[in-house]
Amino acid sequence: MRDAVGELPLLQQQLIHLRFTQELTQREVADLLQLTPMAVSRLQRRVLDALAERLLSLAPGSPSA
């Protein structure tokens, strides 16, 4: 998981760290990253989808593993 997060652009890494390690709300993350809460919500969804896709591609038996 750390490797997959480490492959993300810096802004996306920061979002993941703030939301899930620091357990900040989307509004708090938005304030820190100077984004709107809606932008944080949308970016979070895209990042989580990308991480899920990346992790699935690494799973044993997956076509790209």
Protein backbone atom coordinates (compact mmCIF):
# COMPACT_ATOMS: atom_id res chain seq x y z
CA MET A 1 0.00 0.00 0.00
CA ARG A 2 2.80 2.43 0.87
CA ASP A 3 4.42 1.81 -2.51
CA ALA A 4 1.14 2.52 -4.30
CA VAL A 5 0.63 5.76 -2.34
CA GLY A 6 4.27 6.72 -2.96
CA GLU A 7 3.65 6.55 -6.71
CA LEU A 8 0.93 9.21 -6.48
CA PRO A 9 1.57 12.91 -7.20
CA LEU A 10 2.49 14.93 -4.10
CA LEU A 11 -0.93 16.61 -3.71
CA GLN A 12 -2.65 13.22 -3.75
CA GLN A 13 -0.16 11.81 -1.23
CA GLN A 14 -0.83 14.79 1.04
CA LEU A 15 -4.57 14.29 0.78
CA ILE A 16 -4.30 10.59 1.72
CA HIS A 17 -1.98 11.39 4.61
CA LEU A 18 -4.17 14.16 6.00
CA ARG A 19 -7.46 12.28 5.60
CA PHE A 20 -6.44 8.82 6.75
CA THR A 21 -3.31 9.20 8.88
CA GLN A 22 -4.11 12.52 10.53
CA GLU A 23 -7.86 11.78 10.38
CA LEU A 24 -8.78 15.31 9.34
CA THR A 25 -12.17 16.15 7.87
CA GLN A 26 -12.53 17.05 4.21
CA ARG A 27 -13.08 20.66 5.23
CA GLU A 28 -9.86 20.69 7.29
CA VAL A 29 -7.94 19.11 4.41
CA ALA A 30 -9.44 21.66 2.02
CA ASP A 31 -8.30 24.53 4.23
CA LEU A 32 -4.76 23.16 4.51
CA LEU A 33 -4.41 22.40 0.80
CA GLN A 34 -6.21 25.60 -0.25
CA LEU A 35 -8.91 23.70 -2.11
CA THR A 36 -12.68 23.68 -1.83
CA PRO A 37 -14.25 20.85 0.17
CA MET A 38 -15.91 19.68 -3.09
CA ALA A 39 -12.51 19.52 -4.81
CA VAL A 40 -11.14 17.47 -1.90
CA SER A 41 -14.12 15.12 -2.11
CA ARG A 42 -13.69 14.59 -5.85
CA LEU A 43 -9.93 14.21 -5.64
CA GLN A 44 -10.27 11.74 -2.77
CA ARG A 45 -12.66 9.62 -4.82
CA ARG A 46 -10.31 9.61 -7.81
CA VAL A 47 -7.29 8.77 -5.63
CA LEU A 48 -9.06 5.92 -3.85
CA ASP A 49 -10.27 4.52 -7.17
CA ALA A 50 -6.73 4.72 -8.60
CA LEU A 51 -5.26 3.03 -5.52
CA ALA A 52 -7.83 0.25 -5.67
CA GLU A 53 -7.08 -0.32 -9.35
CA ARG A 54 -3.33 -0.33 -8.68
CA LEU A 55 -3.62 -2.78 -5.79
CA LEU A 56 -5.89 -5.08 -7.78
CA SER A 57 -3.34 -5.12 -10.60
CA LEU A 58 -0.70 -6.32 -8.12
CA ALA A 59 -2.88 -9.11 -6.71
CA PRO A 60 -1.77 -12.68 -7.40
CA GLY A 61 -3.58 -14.05 -10.43
CA SER A 62 -4.34 -10.65 -11.92
CA PRO A 63 -3.43 -10.24 -15.61
CA SER A 64 -0.65 -7.71 -14.90
CA ALA A 65 0.80 -9.40 -11.78
